[in-house]
Structure formats: structure tokens, C-alpha cells
C-alpha atoms as a PDB file:
ATOM      1  CA  UNK A   1       0.014  -0.007  -0.441  1.00  0.00           C
ATOM      2  CA  UNK A   2       1.502   3.477  -0.752  1.00  0.00           C
ATOM      3  CA  UNK A   3       2.578   5.910   1.545  1.00  0.00           C
ATOM      4  CA  UNK A   4       0.283   8.733   2.054  1.00  0.00           C
ATOM      5  CA  UNK A   5       2.031  10.708   4.505  1.00  0.00           C
ATOM      6  CA  UNK A   6       5.262  10.491   6.318  1.00  0.00           C
ATOM      7  CA  UNK A   7       6.457  13.110   8.793  1.00  0.00           C
ATOM      8  CA  UNK A   8       8.004  13.617  11.825  1.00  0.00           C
ATOM      9  CA  UNK A   9       6.453  11.529  14.386  1.00  0.00           C
ATOM     10  CA  UNK A  10       3.884  10.154  11.833  1.00  0.00           C
ATOM     11  CA  UNK A  11       3.470   7.857   8.983  1.00  0.00           C
ATOM     12  CA  UNK A  12      -0.027   7.446   7.283  1.00  0.00           C
ATOM     13  CA  UNK A  13      -1.270   4.771   4.624  1.00  0.00           C
ATOM     14  CA  UNK A  14      -3.978   4.347   2.450  1.00  0.00           C
ATOM     15  CA  UNK A  15      -6.137   1.639   4.051  1.00  0.00           C
ATOM     16  CA  UNK A  16      -9.261   0.555   2.669  1.00  0.00           C
ATOM     17  CA  UNK A  17     -10.933   2.198  -0.176  1.00  0.00           C
ATOM     18  CA  UNK A  18      -9.875   6.273   0.556  1.00  0.00           C
ATOM     19  CA  UNK A  19      -9.317   5.653   4.164  1.00  0.00           C
ATOM     20  CA  UNK A  20      -6.036   6.421   5.909  1.00  0.00           C
ATOM     21  CA  UNK A  21      -4.641   4.676   8.444  1.00  0.00           C
ATOM     22  CA  UNK A  22      -2.179   6.256  11.113  1.00  0.00           C
ATOM     23  CA  UNK A  23       0.561   3.361  11.681  1.00  0.00           C
ATOM     24  CA  UNK A  24       1.240   4.813  15.219  1.00  0.00           C
ATOM     25  CA  UNK A  25      -2.223   4.223  16.141  1.00  0.00           C
ATOM     26  CA  UNK A  26      -2.133   0.622  15.625  1.00  0.00           C
ATOM     27  CA  UNK A  27       1.001  -0.593  17.119  1.00  0.00           C
ATOM     28  CA  UNK A  28       1.160  -2.470  20.013  1.00  0.00           C
ATOM     29  CA  UNK A  29       2.734  -0.098  22.693  1.00  0.00           C
ATOM     30  CA  UNK A  30       3.505  -2.735  25.149  1.00  0.00           C
ATOM     31  CA  UNK A  31       2.669  -6.482  25.613  1.00  0.00           C
ATOM     32  CA  UNK A  32       3.931  -9.260  28.345  1.00  0.00           C
ATOM     33  CA  UNK A  33       4.064 -13.112  29.080  1.00  0.00           C
ATOM     34  CA  UNK A  34       4.507 -13.706  32.466  1.00  0.00           C
ATOM     35  CA  UNK A  35       4.884 -16.897  34.566  1.00  0.00           C
ATOM     36  CA  UNK A  36       3.232 -16.326  38.132  1.00  0.00           C
ATOM     37  CA  UNK A  37       3.295 -19.950  39.094  1.00  0.00           C
ATOM     38  CA  UNK A  38       7.033 -20.942  38.699  1.00  0.00           C
ATOM     39  CA  UNK A  39       9.228 -18.117  38.210  1.00  0.00           C
ATOM     40  CA  UNK A  40       7.232 -14.795  38.801  1.00  0.00           C
ATOM     41  CA  UNK A  41       9.537 -13.936  35.966  1.00  0.00           C
ATOM     42  CA  UNK A  42       8.501 -11.922  32.510  1.00  0.00           C
ATOM     43  CA  UNK A  43       8.902 -14.893  29.705  1.00  0.00           C
ATOM     44  CA  UNK A  44       9.012 -11.881  27.292  1.00  0.00           C
ATOM     45  CA  UNK A  45       7.752  -8.243  27.024  1.00  0.00           C
ATOM     46  CA  UNK A  46       7.986  -5.047  24.950  1.00  0.00           C
ATOM     47  CA  UNK A  47       7.912  -1.887  26.880  1.00  0.00           C
ATOM     48  CA  UNK A  48       7.522  -3.699  30.717  1.00  0.00           C
ATOM     49  CA  UNK A  49       9.948  -2.887  33.164  1.00  0.00           C
ATOM     50  CA  UNK A  50       8.893  -5.786  35.506  1.00  0.00           C
ATOM     51  CA  UNK A  51       5.794  -7.069  37.041  1.00  0.00           C
ATOM     52  CA  UNK A  52       4.225  -6.603  40.351  1.00  0.00           C
ATOM     53  CA  UNK A  53       2.716  -9.774  42.120  1.00  0.00           C
ATOM     54  CA  UNK A  54       0.123  -8.347  43.860  1.00  0.00           C
ATOM     55  CA  UNK A  55      -1.940 -11.326  45.252  1.00  0.00           C
ATOM     56  CA  UNK A  56      -2.879 -14.636  43.870  1.00  0.00           C
ATOM     57  CA  UNK A  57      -4.031 -14.092  40.727  1.00  0.00           C
ATOM     58  CA  UNK A  58      -3.424 -10.132  40.850  1.00  0.00           C
ATOM     59  CA  UNK A  59      -0.374  -8.252  39.253  1.00  0.00           C
ATOM     60  CA  UNK A  60       0.856  -4.957  37.476  1.00  0.00           C
ATOM     61  CA  UNK A  61       2.423  -4.686  34.419  1.00  0.00           C
ATOM     62  CA  UNK A  62       4.728  -1.690  34.844  1.00  0.00           C
ATOM     63  CA  UNK A  63       5.701   0.232  31.929  1.00  0.00           C
ATOM     64  CA  UNK A  64       9.211   1.267  31.055  1.00  0.00           C
ATOM     65  CA  UNK A  65       7.835   3.985  29.118  1.00  0.00           C
ATOM     66  CA  UNK A  66       4.550   5.731  30.154  1.00  0.00           C
ATOM     67  CA  UNK A  67       1.282   6.072  28.336  1.00  0.00           C
ATOM     68  CA  UNK A  68       0.699   9.421  27.891  1.00  0.00           C
ATOM     69  CA  UNK A  69      -2.989   9.104  29.813  1.00  0.00           C
ATOM     70  CA  UNK A  70      -4.803   6.445  31.055  1.00  0.00           C
ATOM     71  CA  UNK A  71      -7.520   6.092  27.853  1.00  0.00           C
ATOM     72  CA  UNK A  72      -5.601   3.318  26.345  1.00  0.00           C
ATOM     73  CA  UNK A  73      -7.061   0.022  26.306  1.00  0.00           C
ATOM     74  CA  UNK A  74      -5.745  -3.572  26.993  1.00  0.00           C
ATOM     75  CA  UNK A  75      -6.189  -7.005  26.286  1.00  0.00           C
ATOM     76  CA  UNK A  76      -5.398 -10.285  28.241  1.00  0.00           C
ATOM     77  CA  UNK A  77      -5.581 -13.827  28.186  1.00  0.00           C
ATOM     78  CA  UNK A  78      -4.332 -16.818  30.328  1.00  0.00           C
ATOM     79  CA  UNK A  79      -3.403 -20.027  30.254  1.00  0.00           C
ATOM     80  CA  UNK A  80      -2.980 -22.560  33.561  1.00  0.00           C
ATOM     81  CA  UNK A  81       0.592 -23.814  31.461  1.00  0.00           C
ATOM     82  CA  UNK A  82       3.090 -22.618  29.318  1.00  0.00           C
ATOM     83  CA  UNK A  83       2.566 -25.773  26.421  1.00  0.00           C
ATOM     84  CA  UNK A  84      -1.141 -24.705  26.409  1.00  0.00           C
ATOM     85  CA  UNK A  85      -2.530 -28.057  27.076  1.00  0.00           C
ATOM     86  CA  UNK A  86      -4.732 -28.344  30.183  1.00  0.00           C
ATOM     87  CA  UNK A  87      -6.933 -30.510  32.192  1.00  0.00           C
ATOM     88  CA  UNK A  88     -10.693 -30.276  31.394  1.00  0.00           C
ATOM     89  CA  UNK A  89     -11.096 -28.644  34.878  1.00  0.00           C
ATOM     90  CA  UNK A  90      -8.540 -26.039  33.973  1.00  0.00           C
ATOM     91  CA  UNK A  91     -10.217 -24.695  30.946  1.00  0.00           C
ATOM     92  CA  UNK A  92     -12.890 -22.078  32.768  1.00  0.00           C
ATOM     93  CA  UNK A  93     -10.250 -19.192  32.985  1.00  0.00           C
ATOM     94  CA  UNK A  94     -10.991 -15.434  32.906  1.00  0.00           C
ATOM     95  CA  UNK A  95      -8.608 -12.546  32.574  1.00  0.00           C
ATOM     96  CA  UNK A  96      -9.753  -9.054  33.584  1.00  0.00           C
ATOM     97  CA  UNK A  97      -7.451  -6.104  32.695  1.00  0.00           C
ATOM     98  CA  UNK A  98      -7.868  -2.569  33.047  1.00  0.00           C
ATOM     99  CA  UNK A  99      -5.962   0.845  32.111  1.00  0.00           C
ATOM    100  CA  UNK A 100      -4.728   1.276  35.774  1.00  0.00           C
ATOM    101  CA  UNK A 101      -2.547   4.163  35.631  1.00  0.00           C
ATOM    102  CA  UNK A 102      -0.297   5.934  32.869  1.00  0.00           C
ATOM    103  CA  UNK A 103       2.724   3.997  34.688  1.00  0.00           C
ATOM    104  CA  UNK A 104       1.270   0.426  34.564  1.00  0.00           C
ATOM    105  CA  UNK A 105      -1.855  -1.849  33.870  1.00  0.00           C
ATOM    106  CA  UNK A 106      -3.519  -4.402  35.861  1.00  0.00           C
ATOM    107  CA  UNK A 107      -4.871  -7.845  35.463  1.00  0.00           C
ATOM    108  CA  UNK A 108      -6.655 -10.531  37.309  1.00  0.00           C
ATOM    109  CA  UNK A 109      -7.148 -13.875  36.954  1.00  0.00           C
ATOM    110  CA  UNK A 110     -10.197 -15.879  37.916  1.00  0.00           C
ATOM    111  CA  UNK A 111     -11.283 -19.733  37.877  1.00  0.00           C
ATOM    112  CA  UNK A 112     -14.052 -19.832  36.215  1.00  0.00           C
ATOM    113  CA  UNK A 113     -15.437 -22.890  38.004  1.00  0.00           C
ATOM    114  CA  UNK A 114     -14.967 -21.960  41.556  1.00  0.00           C
ATOM    115  CA  UNK A 115     -14.860 -17.972  40.512  1.00  0.00           C
ATOM    116  CA  UNK A 116     -11.781 -17.785  43.068  1.00  0.00           C
ATOM    117  CA  UNK A 117      -8.476 -15.736  41.649  1.00  0.00           C
ATOM    118  CA  UNK A 118      -5.849 -18.272  40.309  1.00  0.00           C
ATOM    119  CA  UNK A 119      -2.143 -17.999  39.734  1.00  0.00           C
ATOM    120  CA  UNK A 120      -1.138 -18.964  36.025  1.00  0.00           C
ATOM    121  CA  UNK A 121       1.691 -19.919  34.294  1.00  0.00           C
ATOM    122  CA  UNK A 122       1.043 -18.153  31.047  1.00  0.00           C
ATOM    123  CA  UNK A 123      -0.376 -14.516  31.587  1.00  0.00           C
ATOM    124  CA  UNK A 124      -0.260 -12.454  28.659  1.00  0.00           C
ATOM    125  CA  UNK A 125      -1.786  -8.674  27.732  1.00  0.00           C
ATOM    126  CA  UNK A 126      -1.169  -6.260  24.879  1.00  0.00           C
ATOM    127  CA  UNK A 127      -1.523  -2.679  25.034  1.00  0.00           C
ATOM    128  CA  UNK A 128      -2.560  -0.133  22.529  1.00  0.00           C
ATOM    129  CA  UNK A 129      -2.711   3.956  23.013  1.00  0.00           C
ATOM    130  CA  UNK A 130      -0.517   6.619  22.689  1.00  0.00           C
ATOM    131  CA  UNK A 131       2.816   6.922  24.606  1.00  0.00           C
ATOM    132  CA  UNK A 132       3.801   9.774  26.476  1.00  0.00           C
END
């Protein structure tokens, strides 16, 4: 797709039809994969300094470079183990994430069967919005 406009801090391309798309708006600004069960470490990430384990099933992802406001989006997921395979009893998990502050995002994981919060081996989140 041809470049429509390229200037300082901006790159716009032609999208569908005559619509234009800002490349910066479409890029993930942060993401992580976190093991809250075995190591309490980040397995991989972009723009995340560290993760604060708040309690069972609850954590913060702390940004290396802050967001410009709390008006960003976070999408999260979880899996009881890193291999992706799980017992039938482990399949009902819910991950709730939010734009907590400009410096961090939060994630809570629940066992869908018991509704209790639960640590997971493979917690993930991706953040879209504007960096400060």
C-alpha cells in the first residue's frame, strides 16, 4: 500500500478504499507474557520494566515508557500452563485487565469454575494507545 504521508512522528498509509490509517495508532505499545506460578518472571515483553505480583491471580505490568493518559486499551488472556495443554477442569479461566494508571496496567485472573482468583503459568496482555 502506498505511503500517503510521512512526517516527523507520523506515518499514514492508505487503508481500505480511500480511508487513511495512522501506523502509530495501530501498533502495540506494550505486551508481556508472565509466569506467576513457577518463576514470577517475565517470559517475554515489550515496554514492560517488570511485573508486580500483588496477590494470588493479581498483578501489575509496569511500563518502561509510560502511556500519555489512562485512555488506552488492554487485552489479556491466560493459560494454566505454558505448553497450552490443560486438564478439562482448568479450561474455565477469565482474565480481566484494565488501564490502571499511565505507568502500569493491571490484570486479574479467575478460575471460572470456582470464581476464585488463580495464579497462572502463562498470563499475557497487549496494550494499544499513545505513549507519553
